[in-house]
PDB file of N, CA and C in Angstrom:
ATOM      1  N   MET A   1      -0.893  13.005 -15.361  1.00  0.00           N
ATOM      2  CA  MET A   1       0.235  12.105 -15.349  1.00  0.00           C
ATOM      3  C   MET A   1       0.155  11.194 -14.126  1.00  0.00           C
ATOM      4  N   ARG A   2       0.387   9.913 -14.345  1.00  0.00           N
ATOM      5  CA  ARG A   2       0.323   8.944 -13.259  1.00  0.00           C
ATOM      6  C   ARG A   2       1.738   8.542 -12.849  1.00  0.00           C
ATOM      7  N   THR A   3       1.893   8.348 -11.559  1.00  0.00           N
ATOM      8  CA  THR A   3       3.181   8.013 -10.970  1.00  0.00           C
ATOM      9  C   THR A   3       3.048   6.695 -10.222  1.00  0.00           C
ATOM     10  N   VAL A   4       4.127   5.920 -10.210  1.00  0.00           N
ATOM     11  CA  VAL A   4       4.154   4.665  -9.465  1.00  0.00           C
ATOM     12  C   VAL A   4       4.678   4.954  -8.064  1.00  0.00           C
ATOM     13  N   TYR A   5       3.954   4.471  -7.066  1.00  0.00           N
ATOM     14  CA  TYR A   5       4.351   4.619  -5.667  1.00  0.00           C
ATOM     15  C   TYR A   5       4.447   3.248  -5.023  1.00  0.00           C
ATOM     16  N   LEU A   6       5.423   3.080  -4.167  1.00  0.00           N
ATOM     17  CA  LEU A   6       5.521   1.915  -3.301  1.00  0.00           C
ATOM     18  C   LEU A   6       5.103   2.400  -1.923  1.00  0.00           C
ATOM     19  N   ILE A   7       4.048   1.817  -1.389  1.00  0.00           N
ATOM     20  CA  ILE A   7       3.515   2.260  -0.103  1.00  0.00           C
ATOM     21  C   ILE A   7       3.527   1.080   0.853  1.00  0.00           C
ATOM     22  N   SER A   8       4.156   1.276   1.993  1.00  0.00           N
ATOM     23  CA  SER A   8       4.172   0.233   3.017  1.00  0.00           C
ATOM     24  C   SER A   8       3.718   0.839   4.332  1.00  0.00           C
ATOM     25  N   TYR A   9       3.259  -0.027   5.212  1.00  0.00           N
ATOM     26  CA  TYR A   9       2.743   0.466   6.482  1.00  0.00           C
ATOM     27  C   TYR A   9       2.975  -0.558   7.577  1.00  0.00           C
ATOM     28  N   ASP A  10       3.080  -0.054   8.789  1.00  0.00           N
ATOM     29  CA  ASP A  10       3.233  -0.867   9.996  1.00  0.00           C
ATOM     30  C   ASP A  10       2.185  -0.356  10.972  1.00  0.00           C
ATOM     31  N   ILE A  11       1.114  -1.106  11.135  1.00  0.00           N
ATOM     32  CA  ILE A  11      -0.023  -0.698  11.950  1.00  0.00           C
ATOM     33  C   ILE A  11      -0.121  -1.650  13.139  1.00  0.00           C
ATOM     34  N   THR A  12      -0.171  -1.108  14.348  1.00  0.00           N
ATOM     35  CA  THR A  12      -0.119  -1.940  15.549  1.00  0.00           C
ATOM     36  C   THR A  12      -1.460  -2.541  15.949  1.00  0.00           C
ATOM     37  N   CYS A  13      -2.552  -1.908  15.607  1.00  0.00           N
ATOM     38  CA  CYS A  13      -3.886  -2.360  16.016  1.00  0.00           C
ATOM     39  C   CYS A  13      -4.539  -3.137  14.866  1.00  0.00           C
ATOM     40  N   PRO A  14      -4.996  -4.370  15.103  1.00  0.00           N
ATOM     41  CA  PRO A  14      -5.623  -5.155  14.033  1.00  0.00           C
ATOM     42  C   PRO A  14      -6.817  -4.457  13.375  1.00  0.00           C
ATOM     43  N   LYS A  15      -7.610  -3.739  14.136  1.00  0.00           N
ATOM     44  CA  LYS A  15      -8.772  -3.039  13.576  1.00  0.00           C
ATOM     45  C   LYS A  15      -8.313  -1.946  12.603  1.00  0.00           C
ATOM     46  N   ARG A  16      -7.322  -1.159  13.020  1.00  0.00           N
ATOM     47  CA  ARG A  16      -6.790  -0.116  12.134  1.00  0.00           C
ATOM     48  C   ARG A  16      -6.099  -0.747  10.926  1.00  0.00           C
ATOM     49  N   TYR A  17      -5.406  -1.859  11.136  1.00  0.00           N
ATOM     50  CA  TYR A  17      -4.731  -2.563  10.039  1.00  0.00           C
ATOM     51  C   TYR A  17      -5.739  -2.942   8.950  1.00  0.00           C
ATOM     52  N   ARG A  18      -6.876  -3.523   9.346  1.00  0.00           N
ATOM     53  CA  ARG A  18      -7.895  -3.924   8.372  1.00  0.00           C
ATOM     54  C   ARG A  18      -8.446  -2.721   7.615  1.00  0.00           C
ATOM     55  N   ARG A  19      -8.655  -1.619   8.308  1.00  0.00           N
ATOM     56  CA  ARG A  19      -9.179  -0.420   7.649  1.00  0.00           C
ATOM     57  C   ARG A  19      -8.160   0.145   6.648  1.00  0.00           C
ATOM     58  N   ILE A  20      -6.893   0.161   7.046  1.00  0.00           N
ATOM     59  CA  ILE A  20      -5.836   0.640   6.144  1.00  0.00           C
ATOM     60  C   ILE A  20      -5.736  -0.284   4.929  1.00  0.00           C
ATOM     61  N   TYR A  21      -5.757  -1.596   5.178  1.00  0.00           N
ATOM     62  CA  TYR A  21      -5.658  -2.574   4.085  1.00  0.00           C
ATOM     63  C   TYR A  21      -6.790  -2.374   3.077  1.00  0.00           C
ATOM     64  N   LYS A  22      -8.018  -2.193   3.561  1.00  0.00           N
ATOM     65  CA  LYS A  22      -9.158  -1.987   2.661  1.00  0.00           C
ATOM     66  C   LYS A  22      -8.989  -0.707   1.841  1.00  0.00           C
ATOM     67  N   SER A  23      -8.519   0.352   2.467  1.00  0.00           N
ATOM     68  CA  SER A  23      -8.275   1.600   1.730  1.00  0.00           C
ATOM     69  C   SER A  23      -7.198   1.404   0.673  1.00  0.00           C
ATOM     70  N   MET A  24      -6.133   0.715   1.036  1.00  0.00           N
ATOM     71  CA  MET A  24      -5.035   0.494   0.099  1.00  0.00           C
ATOM     72  C   MET A  24      -5.474  -0.374  -1.072  1.00  0.00           C
ATOM     73  N   LYS A  25      -6.288  -1.397  -0.820  1.00  0.00           N
ATOM     74  CA  LYS A  25      -6.744  -2.280  -1.897  1.00  0.00           C
ATOM     75  C   LYS A  25      -7.515  -1.524  -2.963  1.00  0.00           C
ATOM     76  N   GLY A  26      -8.161  -0.445  -2.577  1.00  0.00           N
ATOM     77  CA  GLY A  26      -8.885   0.357  -3.547  1.00  0.00           C
ATOM     78  C   GLY A  26      -7.990   1.256  -4.385  1.00  0.00           C
ATOM     79  N   HIS A  27      -6.697   1.326  -4.035  1.00  0.00           N
ATOM     80  CA  HIS A  27      -5.791   2.242  -4.732  1.00  0.00           C
ATOM     81  C   HIS A  27      -4.593   1.564  -5.394  1.00  0.00           C
ATOM     82  N   GLY A  28      -4.369   0.289  -5.103  1.00  0.00           N
ATOM     83  CA  GLY A  28      -3.195  -0.363  -5.667  1.00  0.00           C
ATOM     84  C   GLY A  28      -3.268  -1.863  -5.525  1.00  0.00           C
ATOM     85  N   GLU A  29      -2.175  -2.512  -5.890  1.00  0.00           N
ATOM     86  CA  GLU A  29      -2.120  -3.964  -5.822  1.00  0.00           C
ATOM     87  C   GLU A  29      -1.138  -4.391  -4.738  1.00  0.00           C
ATOM     88  N   PRO A  30      -1.531  -5.363  -3.903  1.00  0.00           N
ATOM     89  CA  PRO A  30      -0.636  -5.811  -2.834  1.00  0.00           C
ATOM     90  C   PRO A  30       0.554  -6.577  -3.411  1.00  0.00           C
ATOM     91  N   MET A  31       1.741  -6.263  -2.917  1.00  0.00           N
ATOM     92  CA  MET A  31       2.958  -6.951  -3.331  1.00  0.00           C
ATOM     93  C   MET A  31       3.354  -7.985  -2.278  1.00  0.00           C
ATOM     94  N   GLN A  32       3.227  -7.607  -1.029  1.00  0.00           N
ATOM     95  CA  GLN A  32       3.464  -8.450   0.135  1.00  0.00           C
ATOM     96  C   GLN A  32       2.531  -7.924   1.209  1.00  0.00           C
ATOM     97  N   TYR A  33       2.507  -8.595   2.359  1.00  0.00           N
ATOM     98  CA  TYR A  33       1.699  -8.054   3.446  1.00  0.00           C
ATOM     99  C   TYR A  33       2.193  -6.647   3.757  1.00  0.00           C
ATOM    100  N   SER A  34       1.301  -5.711   3.801  1.00  0.00           N
ATOM    101  CA  SER A  34       1.582  -4.319   4.165  1.00  0.00           C
ATOM    102  C   SER A  34       2.441  -3.564   3.153  1.00  0.00           C
ATOM    103  N   VAL A  35       2.544  -4.064   1.927  1.00  0.00           N
ATOM    104  CA  VAL A  35       3.297  -3.373   0.873  1.00  0.00           C
ATOM    105  C   VAL A  35       2.449  -3.371  -0.400  1.00  0.00           C
ATOM    106  N   PHE A  36       2.217  -2.180  -0.950  1.00  0.00           N
ATOM    107  CA  PHE A  36       1.398  -2.033  -2.150  1.00  0.00           C
ATOM    108  C   PHE A  36       2.152  -1.261  -3.219  1.00  0.00           C
ATOM    109  N   ARG A  37       1.873  -1.601  -4.475  1.00  0.00           N
ATOM    110  CA  ARG A  37       2.339  -0.826  -5.623  1.00  0.00           C
ATOM    111  C   ARG A  37       1.112  -0.104  -6.161  1.00  0.00           C
ATOM    112  N   CYS A  38       1.196   1.211  -6.246  1.00  0.00           N
ATOM    113  CA  CYS A  38       0.050   2.019  -6.658  1.00  0.00           C
ATOM    114  C   CYS A  38       0.436   2.911  -7.832  1.00  0.00           C
ATOM    115  N   GLU A  39      -0.441   2.991  -8.813  1.00  0.00           N
ATOM    116  CA  GLU A  39      -0.294   3.928  -9.927  1.00  0.00           C
ATOM    117  C   GLU A  39      -1.324   5.018  -9.703  1.00  0.00           C
ATOM    118  N   LEU A  40      -0.870   6.209  -9.321  1.00  0.00           N
ATOM    119  CA  LEU A  40      -1.781   7.263  -8.888  1.00  0.00           C
ATOM    120  C   LEU A  40      -1.470   8.599  -9.549  1.00  0.00           C
ATOM    121  N   SER A  41      -2.514   9.365  -9.781  1.00  0.00           N
ATOM    122  CA  SER A  41      -2.346  10.767 -10.161  1.00  0.00           C
ATOM    123  C   SER A  41      -2.106  11.559  -8.876  1.00  0.00           C
ATOM    124  N   ASP A  42      -1.763  12.824  -9.001  1.00  0.00           N
ATOM    125  CA  ASP A  42      -1.572  13.657  -7.809  1.00  0.00           C
ATOM    126  C   ASP A  42      -2.847  13.719  -6.976  1.00  0.00           C
ATOM    127  N   MET A  43      -3.994  13.820  -7.649  1.00  0.00           N
ATOM    128  CA  MET A  43      -5.267  13.903  -6.938  1.00  0.00           C
ATOM    129  C   MET A  43      -5.586  12.585  -6.216  1.00  0.00           C
ATOM    130  N   GLU A  44      -5.322  11.454  -6.872  1.00  0.00           N
ATOM    131  CA  GLU A  44      -5.576  10.150  -6.246  1.00  0.00           C
ATOM    132  C   GLU A  44      -4.664   9.926  -5.048  1.00  0.00           C
ATOM    133  N   LEU A  45      -3.407  10.372  -5.151  1.00  0.00           N
ATOM    134  CA  LEU A  45      -2.495  10.255  -4.018  1.00  0.00           C
ATOM    135  C   LEU A  45      -3.018  11.059  -2.837  1.00  0.00           C
ATOM    136  N   GLN A  46      -3.485  12.260  -3.089  1.00  0.00           N
ATOM    137  CA  GLN A  46      -4.027  13.083  -2.006  1.00  0.00           C
ATOM    138  C   GLN A  46      -5.284  12.446  -1.413  1.00  0.00           C
ATOM    139  N   GLN A  47      -6.136  11.868  -2.253  1.00  0.00           N
ATOM    140  CA  GLN A  47      -7.334  11.186  -1.758  1.00  0.00           C
ATOM    141  C   GLN A  47      -6.959  10.002  -0.876  1.00  0.00           C
ATOM    142  N   LEU A  48      -5.925   9.264  -1.270  1.00  0.00           N
ATOM    143  CA  LEU A  48      -5.467   8.137  -0.457  1.00  0.00           C
ATOM    144  C   LEU A  48      -4.944   8.631   0.887  1.00  0.00           C
ATOM    145  N   LYS A  49      -4.122   9.670   0.862  1.00  0.00           N
ATOM    146  CA  LYS A  49      -3.609  10.234   2.114  1.00  0.00           C
ATOM    147  C   LYS A  49      -4.754  10.696   3.007  1.00  0.00           C
ATOM    148  N   ASP A  50      -5.759  11.337   2.403  1.00  0.00           N
ATOM    149  CA  ASP A  50      -6.916  11.807   3.174  1.00  0.00           C
ATOM    150  C   ASP A  50      -7.697  10.646   3.778  1.00  0.00           C
ATOM    151  N   ALA A  51      -7.718   9.498   3.098  1.00  0.00           N
ATOM    152  CA  ALA A  51      -8.414   8.320   3.624  1.00  0.00           C
ATOM    153  C   ALA A  51      -7.627   7.661   4.750  1.00  0.00           C
ATOM    154  N   LEU A  52      -6.296   7.653   4.651  1.00  0.00           N
ATOM    155  CA  LEU A  52      -5.461   6.976   5.651  1.00  0.00           C
ATOM    156  C   LEU A  52      -5.279   7.808   6.914  1.00  0.00           C
ATOM    157  N   TRP A  53      -5.148   9.109   6.752  1.00  0.00           N
ATOM    158  CA  TRP A  53      -4.797  10.002   7.865  1.00  0.00           C
ATOM    159  C   TRP A  53      -5.680   9.824   9.099  1.00  0.00           C
ATOM    160  N   PRO A  54      -7.022   9.828   8.974  1.00  0.00           N
ATOM    161  CA  PRO A  54      -7.852   9.730  10.181  1.00  0.00           C
ATOM    162  C   PRO A  54      -7.801   8.361  10.860  1.00  0.00           C
ATOM    163  N   VAL A  55      -7.343   7.342  10.148  1.00  0.00           N
ATOM    164  CA  VAL A  55      -7.291   5.991  10.714  1.00  0.00           C
ATOM    165  C   VAL A  55      -6.028   5.790  11.545  1.00  0.00           C
ATOM    166  N   LEU A  56      -4.956   6.449  11.178  1.00  0.00           N
ATOM    167  CA  LEU A  56      -3.652   6.231  11.810  1.00  0.00           C
ATOM    168  C   LEU A  56      -3.575   6.788  13.221  1.00  0.00           C
ATOM    169  N   ASN A  57      -2.827   6.087  14.046  1.00  0.00           N
ATOM    170  CA  ASN A  57      -2.422   6.599  15.350  1.00  0.00           C
ATOM    171  C   ASN A  57      -0.930   6.911  15.199  1.00  0.00           C
ATOM    172  N   LEU A  58      -0.591   8.169  15.065  1.00  0.00           N
ATOM    173  CA  LEU A  58       0.787   8.553  14.741  1.00  0.00           C
ATOM    174  C   LEU A  58       1.780   8.259  15.855  1.00  0.00           C
ATOM    175  N   ASP A  59       1.297   7.947  17.046  1.00  0.00           N
ATOM    176  CA  ASP A  59       2.193   7.551  18.131  1.00  0.00           C
ATOM    177  C   ASP A  59       2.592   6.079  18.019  1.00  0.00           C
ATOM    178  N   GLU A  60       1.813   5.284  17.257  1.00  0.00           N
ATOM    179  CA  GLU A  60       2.060   3.843  17.186  1.00  0.00           C
ATOM    180  C   GLU A  60       2.277   3.325  15.762  1.00  0.00           C
ATOM    181  N   ASP A  61       1.691   3.973  14.775  1.00  0.00           N
ATOM    182  CA  ASP A  61       1.686   3.466  13.402  1.00  0.00           C
ATOM    183  C   ASP A  61       2.660   4.244  12.522  1.00  0.00           C
ATOM    184  N   ARG A  62       2.942   3.638  11.355  1.00  0.00           N
ATOM    185  CA  ARG A  62       3.852   4.286  10.412  1.00  0.00           C
ATOM    186  C   ARG A  62       3.449   3.918   8.987  1.00  0.00           C
ATOM    187  N   VAL A  63       3.492   4.887   8.088  1.00  0.00           N
ATOM    188  CA  VAL A  63       3.252   4.676   6.658  1.00  0.00           C
ATOM    189  C   VAL A  63       4.437   5.270   5.905  1.00  0.00           C
ATOM    190  N   MET A  64       4.925   4.537   4.902  1.00  0.00           N
ATOM    191  CA  MET A  64       6.014   5.031   4.070  1.00  0.00           C
ATOM    192  C   MET A  64       5.519   5.079   2.624  1.00  0.00           C
ATOM    193  N   ILE A  65       5.680   6.218   1.970  1.00  0.00           N
ATOM    194  CA  ILE A  65       5.287   6.394   0.575  1.00  0.00           C
ATOM    195  C   ILE A  65       6.545   6.738  -0.216  1.00  0.00           C
ATOM    196  N   VAL A  66       6.889   5.881  -1.185  1.00  0.00           N
ATOM    197  CA  VAL A  66       8.088   6.074  -2.000  1.00  0.00           C
ATOM    198  C   VAL A  66       7.656   6.344  -3.439  1.00  0.00           C
ATOM    199  N   ASP A  67       8.066   7.479  -3.984  1.00  0.00           N
ATOM    200  CA  ASP A  67       7.782   7.853  -5.369  1.00  0.00           C
ATOM    201  C   ASP A  67       8.803   7.149  -6.258  1.00  0.00           C
ATOM    202  N   LEU A  68       8.327   6.217  -7.107  1.00  0.00           N
ATOM    203  CA  LEU A  68       9.223   5.457  -7.977  1.00  0.00           C
ATOM    204  C   LEU A  68       9.337   6.053  -9.376  1.00  0.00           C
ATOM    205  N   GLY A  69       8.572   7.079  -9.655  1.00  0.00           N
ATOM    206  CA  GLY A  69       8.662   7.740 -10.951  1.00  0.00           C
ATOM    207  C   GLY A  69       7.426   7.523 -11.801  1.00  0.00           C
ATOM    208  N   LEU A  70       7.436   8.135 -12.968  1.00  0.00           N
ATOM    209  CA  LEU A  70       6.304   8.058 -13.886  1.00  0.00           C
ATOM    210  C   LEU A  70       6.100   6.629 -14.387  1.00  0.00           C
ATOM    211  N   ILE A  71       4.852   6.303 -14.705  1.00  0.00           N
ATOM    212  CA  ILE A  71       4.510   4.954 -15.153  1.00  0.00           C
ATOM    213  C   ILE A  71       5.322   4.551 -16.374  1.00  0.00           C
ATOM    214  N   GLU A  72       5.436   5.427 -17.348  1.00  0.00           N
ATOM    215  CA  GLU A  72       6.127   5.074 -18.586  1.00  0.00           C
ATOM    216  C   GLU A  72       7.626   5.345 -18.515  1.00  0.00           C
ATOM    217  N   GLY A  73       8.124   5.613 -17.350  1.00  0.00           N
ATOM    218  CA  GLY A  73       9.552   5.854 -17.170  1.00  0.00           C
ATOM    219  C   GLY A  73      10.140   4.840 -16.209  1.00  0.00           C
ATOM    220  N   ARG A  74      10.896   5.329 -15.279  1.00  0.00           N
ATOM    221  CA  ARG A  74      11.580   4.496 -14.301  1.00  0.00           C
ATOM    222  C   ARG A  74      10.610   3.688 -13.444  1.00  0.00           C
ATOM    223  N   GLY A  75       9.404   4.214 -13.211  1.00  0.00           N
ATOM    224  CA  GLY A  75       8.441   3.575 -12.324  1.00  0.00           C
ATOM    225  C   GLY A  75       8.085   2.150 -12.693  1.00  0.00           C
ATOM    226  N   ASP A  76       8.134   1.821 -13.992  1.00  0.00           N
ATOM    227  CA  ASP A  76       7.800   0.468 -14.428  1.00  0.00           C
ATOM    228  C   ASP A  76       8.946  -0.518 -14.243  1.00  0.00           C
ATOM    229  N   ASP A  77      10.167  -0.044 -14.181  1.00  0.00           N
ATOM    230  CA  ASP A  77      11.318  -0.941 -14.209  1.00  0.00           C
ATOM    231  C   ASP A  77      12.166  -0.944 -12.945  1.00  0.00           C
ATOM    232  N   CYS A  78      11.781  -0.221 -11.917  1.00  0.00           N
ATOM    233  CA  CYS A  78      12.695  -0.053 -10.791  1.00  0.00           C
ATOM    234  C   CYS A  78      12.453  -1.035  -9.640  1.00  0.00           C
ATOM    235  N   ILE A  79      11.479  -1.940  -9.770  1.00  0.00           N
ATOM    236  CA  ILE A  79      11.255  -2.938  -8.726  1.00  0.00           C
ATOM    237  C   ILE A  79      11.727  -4.282  -9.258  1.00  0.00           C
ATOM    238  N   GLU A  80      12.592  -4.938  -8.507  1.00  0.00           N
ATOM    239  CA  GLU A  80      13.125  -6.238  -8.901  1.00  0.00           C
ATOM    240  C   GLU A  80      12.759  -7.251  -7.823  1.00  0.00           C
ATOM    241  N   PHE A  81      12.292  -8.414  -8.247  1.00  0.00           N
ATOM    242  CA  PHE A  81      11.911  -9.462  -7.302  1.00  0.00           C
ATOM    243  C   PHE A  81      12.782 -10.682  -7.495  1.00  0.00           C
ATOM    244  N   TRP A  82      13.099 -11.339  -6.404  1.00  0.00           N
ATOM    245  CA  TRP A  82      13.790 -12.618  -6.410  1.00  0.00           C
ATOM    246  C   TRP A  82      12.947 -13.589  -5.605  1.00  0.00           C
ATOM    247  N   GLY A  83      13.038 -14.862  -5.907  1.00  0.00           N
ATOM    248  CA  GLY A  83      12.320 -15.859  -5.105  1.00  0.00           C
ATOM    249  C   GLY A  83      10.907 -16.088  -5.608  1.00  0.00           C
ATOM    250  N   GLU A  84      10.005 -16.303  -4.682  1.00  0.00           N
ATOM    251  CA  GLU A  84       8.618 -16.637  -4.996  1.00  0.00           C
ATOM    252  C   GLU A  84       8.001 -15.594  -5.918  1.00  0.00           C
ATOM    253  N   PRO A  85       7.226 -16.039  -6.916  1.00  0.00           N
ATOM    254  CA  PRO A  85       6.560 -15.072  -7.792  1.00  0.00           C
ATOM    255  C   PRO A  85       5.492 -14.294  -7.039  1.00  0.00           C
ATOM    256  N   ILE A  86       5.149 -13.138  -7.574  1.00  0.00           N
ATOM    257  CA  ILE A  86       4.120 -12.307  -6.963  1.00  0.00           C
ATOM    258  C   ILE A  86       2.772 -12.985  -7.163  1.00  0.00           C
ATOM    259  N   VAL A  87       2.047 -13.142  -6.081  1.00  0.00           N
ATOM    260  CA  VAL A  87       0.682 -13.660  -6.142  1.00  0.00           C
ATOM    261  C   VAL A  87      -0.192 -12.731  -5.323  1.00  0.00           C
ATOM    262  N   ALA A  88      -1.468 -12.768  -5.596  1.00  0.00           N
ATOM    263  CA  ALA A  88      -2.391 -11.923  -4.834  1.00  0.00           C
ATOM    264  C   ALA A  88      -2.352 -12.332  -3.368  1.00  0.00           C
ATOM    265  N   VAL A  89      -2.209 -11.356  -2.503  1.00  0.00           N
ATOM    266  CA  VAL A  89      -2.182 -11.611  -1.067  1.00  0.00           C
ATOM    267  C   VAL A  89      -3.609 -11.798  -0.592  1.00  0.00           C
ATOM    268  N   GLN A  90      -3.858 -12.915   0.082  1.00  0.00           N
ATOM    269  CA  GLN A  90      -5.189 -13.183   0.608  1.00  0.00           C
ATOM    270  C   GLN A  90      -5.379 -12.426   1.911  1.00  0.00           C
ATOM    271  N   PRO A  91      -6.570 -11.857   2.112  1.00  0.00           N
ATOM    272  CA  PRO A  91      -6.824 -11.156   3.375  1.00  0.00           C
ATOM    273  C   PRO A  91      -6.710 -12.119   4.551  1.00  0.00           C
ATOM    274  N   ARG A  92      -6.205 -11.621   5.645  1.00  0.00           N
ATOM    275  CA  ARG A  92      -6.073 -12.442   6.845  1.00  0.00           C
ATOM    276  C   ARG A  92      -7.447 -12.672   7.456  1.00  0.00           C
ATOM    277  N   THR A  93      -7.664 -13.894   7.913  1.00  0.00           N
ATOM    278  CA  THR A  93      -8.918 -14.217   8.585  1.00  0.00           C
ATOM    279  C   THR A  93      -8.621 -14.978   9.861  1.00  0.00           C
ATOM    280  N   ALA A  94      -9.549 -14.945  10.772  1.00  0.00           N
ATOM    281  CA  ALA A  94      -9.390 -15.667  12.033  1.00  0.00           C
ATOM    282  C   ALA A  94      -9.865 -17.101  11.855  1.00  0.00           C
ATOM    283  N   THR A  95      -9.179 -18.032  12.497  1.00  0.00           N
ATOM    284  CA  THR A  95      -9.582 -19.426  12.511  1.00  0.00           C
ATOM    285  C   THR A  95      -9.924 -19.792  13.944  1.00  0.00           C
ATOM    286  N   ILE A  96     -11.153 -20.236  14.146  1.00  0.00           N
ATOM    287  CA  ILE A  96     -11.595 -20.621  15.484  1.00  0.00           C
ATOM    288  C   ILE A  96     -11.585 -22.136  15.564  1.00  0.00           C
ATOM    289  N   ILE A  97     -10.871 -22.644  16.548  1.00  0.00           N
ATOM    290  CA  ILE A  97     -10.745 -24.098  16.711  1.00  0.00           C
ATOM    291  C   ILE A  97     -11.525 -24.537  17.928  1.00  0.00           C
TER     292      ILE A  97
END
């Protein structure tokens, strides 16, 4: 059974941020910067946690995982958006002038 999760994070170090972002991109779709919607099985959720855990500095960083319910239940209908439509978030890059 797959469940919908809303996962957000606040990472203070740019290097750790990029590593977390890459891990998250492999497990879900970006909704906004640092916010992902993921459809995961219990095993996939544990694999994601195992991938994120060693990267985090728990004194400075924070990750929030919200269980929105099963895919074919509440999980599909419980997120509401207003304003700009959802578009793929482009990875941040440095611009040298």
